[in-house]
Amino acid sequence: MKPTKRDWKTFREMLADLRERYLAGRNQTFITLLNSDERTPTEQFWDTLDALKKEAKILQDCLNGYSKSRMDMHILLTLHHGLMKKEDLDAFSEELREWVQRGRE
């Protein structure tokens, strides 16, 4: 799928917001891990570190190295990992939305 200039611009402009929205939710998970009364402080630390590493990998996969020619793959990744929501696709062209829908089936 070759993205339009408008779709490419939209994608680039929304990435920071997608990341911030995603991390706002994930940070709450880290706080919960750190405050767990059922775990020792050491366990809290290691559980949180493991979760942070997992999230760092997801963010790197979704947000690093994106380009216009690979935008389609990055859109699918951001959807798969929950950075992008289905309603975020409304900002894109009908052609791109249809392509994404076919790719998710």
PDB file of N, CA and C in Angstrom:
ATOM      1  N   MET A   1       0.849  -1.181   0.000  1.00  0.00           N
ATOM      2  CA  MET A   1       0.000   0.000   0.000  1.00  0.00           C
ATOM      3  C   MET A   1       0.880   1.226   0.000  1.00  0.00           C
ATOM      4  N   LYS A   2       0.674   2.091  -0.951  1.00  0.00           N
ATOM      5  CA  LYS A   2       1.435   3.338  -1.032  1.00  0.00           C
ATOM      6  C   LYS A   2       0.606   4.441  -0.377  1.00  0.00           C
ATOM      7  N   PRO A   3       1.096   5.011   0.744  1.00  0.00           N
ATOM      8  CA  PRO A   3       0.314   6.035   1.439  1.00  0.00           C
ATOM      9  C   PRO A   3       0.293   7.356   0.667  1.00  0.00           C
ATOM     10  N   THR A   4      -0.794   8.083   0.856  1.00  0.00           N
ATOM     11  CA  THR A   4      -0.886   9.413   0.262  1.00  0.00           C
ATOM     12  C   THR A   4      -0.055  10.379   1.104  1.00  0.00           C
ATOM     13  N   LYS A   5       0.231  11.546   0.548  1.00  0.00           N
ATOM     14  CA  LYS A   5       0.963  12.566   1.304  1.00  0.00           C
ATOM     15  C   LYS A   5       0.172  12.972   2.545  1.00  0.00           C
ATOM     16  N   ARG A   6      -1.134  13.085   2.382  1.00  0.00           N
ATOM     17  CA  ARG A   6      -1.987  13.475   3.504  1.00  0.00           C
ATOM     18  C   ARG A   6      -1.949  12.418   4.604  1.00  0.00           C
ATOM     19  N   ASP A   7      -2.036  11.141   4.233  1.00  0.00           N
ATOM     20  CA  ASP A   7      -1.976  10.063   5.228  1.00  0.00           C
ATOM     21  C   ASP A   7      -0.630  10.046   5.937  1.00  0.00           C
ATOM     22  N   TRP A   8       0.432  10.260   5.198  1.00  0.00           N
ATOM     23  CA  TRP A   8       1.766  10.277   5.781  1.00  0.00           C
ATOM     24  C   TRP A   8       1.891  11.429   6.782  1.00  0.00           C
ATOM     25  N   LYS A   9       1.414  12.600   6.405  1.00  0.00           N
ATOM     26  CA  LYS A   9       1.460  13.767   7.295  1.00  0.00           C
ATOM     27  C   LYS A   9       0.625  13.502   8.548  1.00  0.00           C
ATOM     28  N   THR A  10      -0.548  12.949   8.373  1.00  0.00           N
ATOM     29  CA  THR A  10      -1.423  12.628   9.507  1.00  0.00           C
ATOM     30  C   THR A  10      -0.733  11.656  10.453  1.00  0.00           C
ATOM     31  N   PHE A  11      -0.141  10.632   9.897  1.00  0.00           N
ATOM     32  CA  PHE A  11       0.539   9.622  10.712  1.00  0.00           C
ATOM     33  C   PHE A  11       1.671  10.241  11.527  1.00  0.00           C
ATOM     34  N   ARG A  12       2.515  11.019  10.879  1.00  0.00           N
ATOM     35  CA  ARG A  12       3.641  11.649  11.585  1.00  0.00           C
ATOM     36  C   ARG A  12       3.162  12.561  12.699  1.00  0.00           C
ATOM     37  N   GLU A  13       2.102  13.310  12.423  1.00  0.00           N
ATOM     38  CA  GLU A  13       1.606  14.264  13.408  1.00  0.00           C
ATOM     39  C   GLU A  13       0.937  13.588  14.609  1.00  0.00           C
ATOM     40  N   MET A  14       0.410  12.395  14.426  1.00  0.00           N
ATOM     41  CA  MET A  14      -0.292  11.749  15.534  1.00  0.00           C
ATOM     42  C   MET A  14       0.595  10.872  16.404  1.00  0.00           C
ATOM     43  N   LEU A  15       1.805  10.568  15.963  1.00  0.00           N
ATOM     44  CA  LEU A  15       2.659   9.633  16.699  1.00  0.00           C
ATOM     45  C   LEU A  15       2.940  10.071  18.138  1.00  0.00           C
ATOM     46  N   ALA A  16       3.266  11.330  18.342  1.00  0.00           N
ATOM     47  CA  ALA A  16       3.574  11.793  19.704  1.00  0.00           C
ATOM     48  C   ALA A  16       2.353  11.647  20.611  1.00  0.00           C
ATOM     49  N   ASP A  17       1.177  11.988  20.104  1.00  0.00           N
ATOM     50  CA  ASP A  17      -0.042  11.860  20.904  1.00  0.00           C
ATOM     51  C   ASP A  17      -0.360  10.399  21.204  1.00  0.00           C
ATOM     52  N   LEU A  18      -0.150   9.527  20.218  1.00  0.00           N
ATOM     53  CA  LEU A  18      -0.388   8.101  20.442  1.00  0.00           C
ATOM     54  C   LEU A  18       0.524   7.572  21.540  1.00  0.00           C
ATOM     55  N   ARG A  19       1.787   7.958  21.468  1.00  0.00           N
ATOM     56  CA  ARG A  19       2.763   7.516  22.470  1.00  0.00           C
ATOM     57  C   ARG A  19       2.375   8.020  23.855  1.00  0.00           C
ATOM     58  N   GLU A  20       2.035   9.289  23.971  1.00  0.00           N
ATOM     59  CA  GLU A  20       1.703   9.867  25.277  1.00  0.00           C
ATOM     60  C   GLU A  20       0.443   9.241  25.864  1.00  0.00           C
ATOM     61  N   ARG A  21      -0.560   9.046  25.046  1.00  0.00           N
ATOM     62  CA  ARG A  21      -1.808   8.424  25.519  1.00  0.00           C
ATOM     63  C   ARG A  21      -1.537   6.999  25.997  1.00  0.00           C
ATOM     64  N   TYR A  22      -0.773   6.258  25.211  1.00  0.00           N
ATOM     65  CA  TYR A  22      -0.435   4.884  25.568  1.00  0.00           C
ATOM     66  C   TYR A  22       0.337   4.827  26.882  1.00  0.00           C
ATOM     67  N   LEU A  23       1.358   5.670  27.009  1.00  0.00           N
ATOM     68  CA  LEU A  23       2.190   5.636  28.205  1.00  0.00           C
ATOM     69  C   LEU A  23       1.451   6.142  29.438  1.00  0.00           C
ATOM     70  N   ALA A  24       0.498   7.017  29.271  1.00  0.00           N
ATOM     71  CA  ALA A  24      -0.298   7.456  30.420  1.00  0.00           C
ATOM     72  C   ALA A  24      -0.974   6.254  31.072  1.00  0.00           C
ATOM     73  N   GLY A  25      -1.498   5.370  30.260  1.00  0.00           N
ATOM     74  CA  GLY A  25      -2.111   4.153  30.790  1.00  0.00           C
ATOM     75  C   GLY A  25      -1.097   3.163  31.329  1.00  0.00           C
ATOM     76  N   ARG A  26      -0.028   2.988  30.597  1.00  0.00           N
ATOM     77  CA  ARG A  26       0.996   2.019  31.025  1.00  0.00           C
ATOM     78  C   ARG A  26       1.677   2.476  32.317  1.00  0.00           C
ATOM     79  N   ASN A  27       1.893   3.781  32.464  1.00  0.00           N
ATOM     80  CA  ASN A  27       2.535   4.281  33.678  1.00  0.00           C
ATOM     81  C   ASN A  27       1.711   3.954  34.916  1.00  0.00           C
ATOM     82  N   GLN A  28       0.408   3.944  34.765  1.00  0.00           N
ATOM     83  CA  GLN A  28      -0.445   3.558  35.893  1.00  0.00           C
ATOM     84  C   GLN A  28      -0.203   2.098  36.281  1.00  0.00           C
ATOM     85  N   THR A  29       0.045   1.268  35.291  1.00  0.00           N
ATOM     86  CA  THR A  29       0.361  -0.135  35.567  1.00  0.00           C
ATOM     87  C   THR A  29       1.676  -0.244  36.341  1.00  0.00           C
ATOM     88  N   PHE A  30       2.657   0.556  35.955  1.00  0.00           N
ATOM     89  CA  PHE A  30       3.943   0.519  36.659  1.00  0.00           C
ATOM     90  C   PHE A  30       3.773   0.987  38.102  1.00  0.00           C
ATOM     91  N   ILE A  31       2.970   2.007  38.301  1.00  0.00           N
ATOM     92  CA  ILE A  31       2.711   2.497  39.652  1.00  0.00           C
ATOM     93  C   ILE A  31       2.058   1.402  40.493  1.00  0.00           C
ATOM     94  N   THR A  32       1.098   0.698  39.902  1.00  0.00           N
ATOM     95  CA  THR A  32       0.432  -0.399  40.607  1.00  0.00           C
ATOM     96  C   THR A  32       1.435  -1.488  40.979  1.00  0.00           C
ATOM     97  N   LEU A  33       2.321  -1.812  40.064  1.00  0.00           N
ATOM     98  CA  LEU A  33       3.345  -2.823  40.361  1.00  0.00           C
ATOM     99  C   LEU A  33       4.244  -2.376  41.514  1.00  0.00           C
ATOM    100  N   LEU A  34       4.619  -1.106  41.502  1.00  0.00           N
ATOM    101  CA  LEU A  34       5.495  -0.597  42.552  1.00  0.00           C
ATOM    102  C   LEU A  34       4.814  -0.497  43.910  1.00  0.00           C
ATOM    103  N   ASN A  35       3.498  -0.399  43.909  1.00  0.00           N
ATOM    104  CA  ASN A  35       2.751  -0.246  45.156  1.00  0.00           C
ATOM    105  C   ASN A  35       2.081  -1.531  45.628  1.00  0.00           C
ATOM    106  N   SER A  36       2.397  -2.641  45.019  1.00  0.00           N
ATOM    107  CA  SER A  36       1.759  -3.902  45.370  1.00  0.00           C
ATOM    108  C   SER A  36       2.098  -4.307  46.799  1.00  0.00           C
ATOM    109  N   ASP A  37       1.055  -4.465  47.598  1.00  0.00           N
ATOM    110  CA  ASP A  37       1.250  -4.913  48.984  1.00  0.00           C
ATOM    111  C   ASP A  37       1.546  -6.405  49.064  1.00  0.00           C
ATOM    112  N   GLU A  38       1.300  -7.118  47.982  1.00  0.00           N
ATOM    113  CA  GLU A  38       1.491  -8.565  47.956  1.00  0.00           C
ATOM    114  C   GLU A  38       2.914  -8.968  47.581  1.00  0.00           C
ATOM    115  N   ARG A  39       3.737  -7.993  47.229  1.00  0.00           N
ATOM    116  CA  ARG A  39       5.111  -8.274  46.790  1.00  0.00           C
ATOM    117  C   ARG A  39       6.085  -7.512  47.683  1.00  0.00           C
ATOM    118  N   THR A  40       7.287  -8.071  47.815  1.00  0.00           N
ATOM    119  CA  THR A  40       8.331  -7.372  48.572  1.00  0.00           C
ATOM    120  C   THR A  40       8.840  -6.201  47.727  1.00  0.00           C
ATOM    121  N   PRO A  41       9.504  -5.244  48.337  1.00  0.00           N
ATOM    122  CA  PRO A  41      10.071  -4.147  47.548  1.00  0.00           C
ATOM    123  C   PRO A  41      11.000  -4.632  46.429  1.00  0.00           C
ATOM    124  N   THR A  42      11.755  -5.675  46.696  1.00  0.00           N
ATOM    125  CA  THR A  42      12.637  -6.228  45.661  1.00  0.00           C
ATOM    126  C   THR A  42      11.815  -6.805  44.510  1.00  0.00           C
ATOM    127  N   GLU A  43      10.783  -7.561  44.841  1.00  0.00           N
ATOM    128  CA  GLU A  43       9.908  -8.125  43.802  1.00  0.00           C
ATOM    129  C   GLU A  43       9.204  -7.011  43.026  1.00  0.00           C
ATOM    130  N   GLN A  44       8.767  -5.978  43.731  1.00  0.00           N
ATOM    131  CA  GLN A  44       8.131  -4.840  43.059  1.00  0.00           C
ATOM    132  C   GLN A  44       9.087  -4.231  42.031  1.00  0.00           C
ATOM    133  N   PHE A  45      10.322  -4.043  42.451  1.00  0.00           N
ATOM    134  CA  PHE A  45      11.329  -3.465  41.563  1.00  0.00           C
ATOM    135  C   PHE A  45      11.527  -4.321  40.315  1.00  0.00           C
ATOM    136  N   TRP A  46      11.774  -5.613  40.505  1.00  0.00           N
ATOM    137  CA  TRP A  46      12.067  -6.487  39.367  1.00  0.00           C
ATOM    138  C   TRP A  46      10.846  -6.676  38.469  1.00  0.00           C
ATOM    139  N   ASP A  47       9.665  -6.762  39.055  1.00  0.00           N
ATOM    140  CA  ASP A  47       8.445  -6.863  38.248  1.00  0.00           C
ATOM    141  C   ASP A  47       8.267  -5.618  37.382  1.00  0.00           C
ATOM    142  N   THR A  48       8.524  -4.467  37.981  1.00  0.00           N
ATOM    143  CA  THR A  48       8.376  -3.207  37.253  1.00  0.00           C
ATOM    144  C   THR A  48       9.432  -3.091  36.162  1.00  0.00           C
ATOM    145  N   LEU A  49      10.658  -3.479  36.470  1.00  0.00           N
ATOM    146  CA  LEU A  49      11.722  -3.423  35.461  1.00  0.00           C
ATOM    147  C   LEU A  49      11.387  -4.326  34.274  1.00  0.00           C
ATOM    148  N   ASP A  50      10.901  -5.530  34.546  1.00  0.00           N
ATOM    149  CA  ASP A  50      10.509  -6.439  33.465  1.00  0.00           C
ATOM    150  C   ASP A  50       9.408  -5.826  32.611  1.00  0.00           C
ATOM    151  N   ALA A  51       8.418  -5.219  33.258  1.00  0.00           N
ATOM    152  CA  ALA A  51       7.318  -4.584  32.519  1.00  0.00           C
ATOM    153  C   ALA A  51       7.820  -3.405  31.692  1.00  0.00           C
ATOM    154  N   LEU A  52       8.737  -2.624  32.252  1.00  0.00           N
ATOM    155  CA  LEU A  52       9.306  -1.487  31.516  1.00  0.00           C
ATOM    156  C   LEU A  52      10.072  -1.944  30.275  1.00  0.00           C
ATOM    157  N   LYS A  53      10.832  -3.013  30.416  1.00  0.00           N
ATOM    158  CA  LYS A  53      11.587  -3.547  29.268  1.00  0.00           C
ATOM    159  C   LYS A  53      10.639  -4.006  28.162  1.00  0.00           C
ATOM    160  N   LYS A  54       9.562  -4.662  28.561  1.00  0.00           N
ATOM    161  CA  LYS A  54       8.580  -5.125  27.580  1.00  0.00           C
ATOM    162  C   LYS A  54       7.962  -3.934  26.847  1.00  0.00           C
ATOM    163  N   GLU A  55       7.599  -2.912  27.593  1.00  0.00           N
ATOM    164  CA  GLU A  55       6.989  -1.733  26.972  1.00  0.00           C
ATOM    165  C   GLU A  55       7.982  -0.982  26.101  1.00  0.00           C
ATOM    166  N   ALA A  56       9.238  -0.927  26.517  1.00  0.00           N
ATOM    167  CA  ALA A  56      10.266  -0.269  25.707  1.00  0.00           C
ATOM    168  C   ALA A  56      10.402  -0.967  24.359  1.00  0.00           C
ATOM    169  N   LYS A  57      10.347  -2.286  24.360  1.00  0.00           N
ATOM    170  CA  LYS A  57      10.440  -3.053  23.105  1.00  0.00           C
ATOM    171  C   LYS A  57       9.250  -2.738  22.199  1.00  0.00           C
ATOM    172  N   ILE A  58       8.064  -2.672  22.783  1.00  0.00           N
ATOM    173  CA  ILE A  58       6.868  -2.353  21.997  1.00  0.00           C
ATOM    174  C   ILE A  58       6.997  -0.959  21.389  1.00  0.00           C
ATOM    175  N   LEU A  59       7.418   0.006  22.197  1.00  0.00           N
ATOM    176  CA  LEU A  59       7.563   1.373  21.690  1.00  0.00           C
ATOM    177  C   LEU A  59       8.615   1.452  20.591  1.00  0.00           C
ATOM    178  N   GLN A  60       9.719   0.748  20.767  1.00  0.00           N
ATOM    179  CA  GLN A  60      10.758   0.750  19.738  1.00  0.00           C
ATOM    180  C   GLN A  60      10.244   0.129  18.444  1.00  0.00           C
ATOM    181  N   ASP A  61       9.544  -0.983  18.551  1.00  0.00           N
ATOM    182  CA  ASP A  61       9.002  -1.646  17.365  1.00  0.00           C
ATOM    183  C   ASP A  61       8.016  -0.742  16.627  1.00  0.00           C
ATOM    184  N   CYS A  62       7.193  -0.052  17.391  1.00  0.00           N
ATOM    185  CA  CYS A  62       6.132   0.759  16.786  1.00  0.00           C
ATOM    186  C   CYS A  62       6.600   2.125  16.296  1.00  0.00           C
ATOM    187  N   LEU A  63       7.548   2.725  16.996  1.00  0.00           N
ATOM    188  CA  LEU A  63       7.853   4.130  16.739  1.00  0.00           C
ATOM    189  C   LEU A  63       9.233   4.404  16.161  1.00  0.00           C
ATOM    190  N   ASN A  64      10.148   3.479  16.267  1.00  0.00           N
ATOM    191  CA  ASN A  64      11.490   3.718  15.721  1.00  0.00           C
ATOM    192  C   ASN A  64      11.570   3.279  14.271  1.00  0.00           C
ATOM    193  N   GLY A  65      12.277   4.041  13.492  1.00  0.00           N
ATOM    194  CA  GLY A  65      12.547   3.651  12.120  1.00  0.00           C
ATOM    195  C   GLY A  65      11.357   3.714  11.180  1.00  0.00           C
ATOM    196  N   TYR A  66      10.325   4.460  11.558  1.00  0.00           N
ATOM    197  CA  TYR A  66       9.182   4.548  10.657  1.00  0.00           C
ATOM    198  C   TYR A  66       9.547   5.431   9.460  1.00  0.00           C
ATOM    199  N   SER A  67       8.975   5.124   8.353  1.00  0.00           N
ATOM    200  CA  SER A  67       9.183   5.890   7.128  1.00  0.00           C
ATOM    201  C   SER A  67       7.910   5.800   6.305  1.00  0.00           C
ATOM    202  N   LYS A  68       7.829   6.639   5.305  1.00  0.00           N
ATOM    203  CA  LYS A  68       6.634   6.637   4.464  1.00  0.00           C
ATOM    204  C   LYS A  68       6.446   5.269   3.807  1.00  0.00           C
ATOM    205  N   SER A  69       7.543   4.668   3.381  1.00  0.00           N
ATOM    206  CA  SER A  69       7.433   3.372   2.699  1.00  0.00           C
ATOM    207  C   SER A  69       7.052   2.235   3.645  1.00  0.00           C
ATOM    208  N   ARG A  70       7.250   2.432   4.958  1.00  0.00           N
ATOM    209  CA  ARG A  70       6.915   1.394   5.940  1.00  0.00           C
ATOM    210  C   ARG A  70       5.766   1.819   6.860  1.00  0.00           C
ATOM    211  N   MET A  71       5.101   2.893   6.502  1.00  0.00           N
ATOM    212  CA  MET A  71       4.024   3.410   7.329  1.00  0.00           C
ATOM    213  C   MET A  71       2.933   2.375   7.549  1.00  0.00           C
ATOM    214  N   ASP A  72       2.611   1.619   6.516  1.00  0.00           N
ATOM    215  CA  ASP A  72       1.544   0.621   6.640  1.00  0.00           C
ATOM    216  C   ASP A  72       1.862  -0.392   7.738  1.00  0.00           C
ATOM    217  N   MET A  73       3.095  -0.869   7.778  1.00  0.00           N
ATOM    218  CA  MET A  73       3.500  -1.826   8.798  1.00  0.00           C
ATOM    219  C   MET A  73       3.417  -1.201  10.190  1.00  0.00           C
ATOM    220  N   HIS A  74       3.846   0.041  10.304  1.00  0.00           N
ATOM    221  CA  HIS A  74       3.830   0.708  11.598  1.00  0.00           C
ATOM    222  C   HIS A  74       2.406   0.994  12.072  1.00  0.00           C
ATOM    223  N   ILE A  75       1.504   1.262  11.157  1.00  0.00           N
ATOM    224  CA  ILE A  75       0.104   1.436  11.544  1.00  0.00           C
ATOM    225  C   ILE A  75      -0.440   0.124  12.104  1.00  0.00           C
ATOM    226  N   LEU A  76      -0.163  -0.973  11.425  1.00  0.00           N
ATOM    227  CA  LEU A  76      -0.628  -2.272  11.927  1.00  0.00           C
ATOM    228  C   LEU A  76      -0.015  -2.599  13.286  1.00  0.00           C
ATOM    229  N   LEU A  77       1.263  -2.292  13.471  1.00  0.00           N
ATOM    230  CA  LEU A  77       1.913  -2.537  14.759  1.00  0.00           C
ATOM    231  C   LEU A  77       1.296  -1.685  15.867  1.00  0.00           C
ATOM    232  N   THR A  78       1.078  -0.403  15.592  1.00  0.00           N
ATOM    233  CA  THR A  78       0.513   0.472  16.620  1.00  0.00           C
ATOM    234  C   THR A  78      -0.906   0.040  16.982  1.00  0.00           C
ATOM    235  N   LEU A  79      -1.647  -0.446  16.012  1.00  0.00           N
ATOM    236  CA  LEU A  79      -2.981  -0.973  16.305  1.00  0.00           C
ATOM    237  C   LEU A  79      -2.889  -2.254  17.130  1.00  0.00           C
ATOM    238  N   HIS A  80      -2.021  -3.139  16.727  1.00  0.00           N
ATOM    239  CA  HIS A  80      -1.862  -4.422  17.421  1.00  0.00           C
ATOM    240  C   HIS A  80      -1.489  -4.232  18.897  1.00  0.00           C
ATOM    241  N   HIS A  81      -0.596  -3.296  19.151  1.00  0.00           N
ATOM    242  CA  HIS A  81      -0.107  -3.091  20.513  1.00  0.00           C
ATOM    243  C   HIS A  81      -0.938  -2.082  21.314  1.00  0.00           C
ATOM    244  N   GLY A  82      -1.931  -1.488  20.696  1.00  0.00           N
ATOM    245  CA  GLY A  82      -2.829  -0.607  21.427  1.00  0.00           C
ATOM    246  C   GLY A  82      -2.422   0.853  21.492  1.00  0.00           C
ATOM    247  N   LEU A  83      -1.373   1.240  20.784  1.00  0.00           N
ATOM    248  CA  LEU A  83      -1.033   2.661  20.740  1.00  0.00           C
ATOM    249  C   LEU A  83      -2.078   3.424  19.934  1.00  0.00           C
ATOM    250  N   MET A  84      -2.487   2.836  18.832  1.00  0.00           N
ATOM    251  CA  MET A  84      -3.522   3.431  17.996  1.00  0.00           C
ATOM    252  C   MET A  84      -4.815   2.671  18.241  1.00  0.00           C
ATOM    253  N   LYS A  85      -5.884   3.420  18.293  1.00  0.00           N
ATOM    254  CA  LYS A  85      -7.202   2.826  18.457  1.00  0.00           C
ATOM    255  C   LYS A  85      -7.948   2.868  17.128  1.00  0.00           C
ATOM    256  N   LYS A  86      -8.933   2.035  17.009  1.00  0.00           N
ATOM    257  CA  LYS A  86      -9.684   1.956  15.761  1.00  0.00           C
ATOM    258  C   LYS A  86     -10.214   3.321  15.341  1.00  0.00           C
ATOM    259  N   GLU A  87     -10.683   4.110  16.302  1.00  0.00           N
ATOM    260  CA  GLU A  87     -11.230   5.425  15.955  1.00  0.00           C
ATOM    261  C   GLU A  87     -10.162   6.396  15.452  1.00  0.00           C
ATOM    262  N   ASP A  88      -8.889   6.144  15.767  1.00  0.00           N
ATOM    263  CA  ASP A  88      -7.805   6.981  15.244  1.00  0.00           C
ATOM    264  C   ASP A  88      -7.696   6.864  13.729  1.00  0.00           C
ATOM    265  N   LEU A  89      -8.141   5.738  13.206  1.00  0.00           N
ATOM    266  CA  LEU A  89      -8.072   5.522  11.757  1.00  0.00           C
ATOM    267  C   LEU A  89      -8.981   6.476  10.985  1.00  0.00           C
ATOM    268  N   ASP A  90      -9.958   7.067  11.667  1.00  0.00           N
ATOM    269  CA  ASP A  90     -10.873   7.995  10.999  1.00  0.00           C
ATOM    270  C   ASP A  90     -10.146   9.194  10.400  1.00  0.00           C
ATOM    271  N   ALA A  91      -8.947   9.494  10.879  1.00  0.00           N
ATOM    272  CA  ALA A  91      -8.173  10.625  10.372  1.00  0.00           C
ATOM    273  C   ALA A  91      -7.534  10.326   9.012  1.00  0.00           C
ATOM    274  N   PHE A  92      -7.558   9.071   8.601  1.00  0.00           N
ATOM    275  CA  PHE A  92      -6.889   8.665   7.366  1.00  0.00           C
ATOM    276  C   PHE A  92      -7.886   8.527   6.217  1.00  0.00           C
ATOM    277  N   SER A  93      -7.333   8.383   5.034  1.00  0.00           N
ATOM    278  CA  SER A  93      -8.158   8.228   3.832  1.00  0.00           C
ATOM    279  C   SER A  93      -8.949   6.923   3.878  1.00  0.00           C
ATOM    280  N   GLU A  94     -10.017   6.905   3.135  1.00  0.00           N
ATOM    281  CA  GLU A  94     -10.852   5.700   3.047  1.00  0.00           C
ATOM    282  C   GLU A  94     -10.026   4.522   2.528  1.00  0.00           C
ATOM    283  N   GLU A  95      -9.181   4.787   1.563  1.00  0.00           N
ATOM    284  CA  GLU A  95      -8.349   3.729   0.980  1.00  0.00           C
ATOM    285  C   GLU A  95      -7.453   3.090   2.049  1.00  0.00           C
ATOM    286  N   LEU A  96      -6.821   3.904   2.864  1.00  0.00           N
ATOM    287  CA  LEU A  96      -5.946   3.368   3.898  1.00  0.00           C
ATOM    288  C   LEU A  96      -6.761   2.610   4.939  1.00  0.00           C
ATOM    289  N   ARG A  97      -7.905   3.135   5.340  1.00  0.00           N
ATOM    290  CA  ARG A  97      -8.747   2.442   6.327  1.00  0.00           C
ATOM    291  C   ARG A  97      -9.177   1.078   5.801  1.00  0.00           C
ATOM    292  N   GLU A  98      -9.544   1.007   4.530  1.00  0.00           N
ATOM    293  CA  GLU A  98      -9.943  -0.274   3.937  1.00  0.00           C
ATOM    294  C   GLU A  98      -8.766  -1.237   3.911  1.00  0.00           C
ATOM    295  N   TRP A  99      -7.586  -0.731   3.569  1.00  0.00           N
ATOM    296  CA  TRP A  99      -6.397  -1.583   3.539  1.00  0.00           C
ATOM    297  C   TRP A  99      -6.106  -2.141   4.931  1.00  0.00           C
ATOM    298  N   VAL A 100      -6.192  -1.287   5.949  1.00  0.00           N
ATOM    299  CA  VAL A 100      -5.950  -1.736   7.326  1.00  0.00           C
ATOM    300  C   VAL A 100      -6.962  -2.796   7.710  1.00  0.00           C
ATOM    301  N   GLN A 101      -8.209  -2.585   7.367  1.00  0.00           N
ATOM    302  CA  GLN A 101      -9.259  -3.545   7.700  1.00  0.00           C
ATOM    303  C   GLN A 101      -8.958  -4.917   7.067  1.00  0.00           C
ATOM    304  N   ARG A 102      -8.545  -4.904   5.808  1.00  0.00           N
ATOM    305  CA  ARG A 102      -8.192  -6.159   5.147  1.00  0.00           C
ATOM    306  C   ARG A 102      -6.983  -6.811   5.810  1.00  0.00           C
ATOM    307  N   GLY A 103      -6.015  -5.998   6.236  1.00  0.00           N
ATOM    308  CA  GLY A 103      -4.811  -6.521   6.874  1.00  0.00           C
ATOM    309  C   GLY A 103      -5.046  -7.093   8.248  1.00  0.00           C
ATOM    310  N   ARG A 104      -6.136  -6.695   8.878  1.00  0.00           N
ATOM    311  CA  ARG A 104      -6.440  -7.166  10.249  1.00  0.00           C
ATOM    312  C   ARG A 104      -7.366  -8.365  10.230  1.00  0.00           C
ATOM    313  N   GLU A 105      -7.869  -8.758   9.076  1.00  0.00           N
ATOM    314  CA  GLU A 105      -8.793  -9.897   8.988  1.00  0.00           C
ATOM    315  C   GLU A 105      -8.046 -11.201   8.959  1.00  0.00           C
TER     316      GLU A 105
END
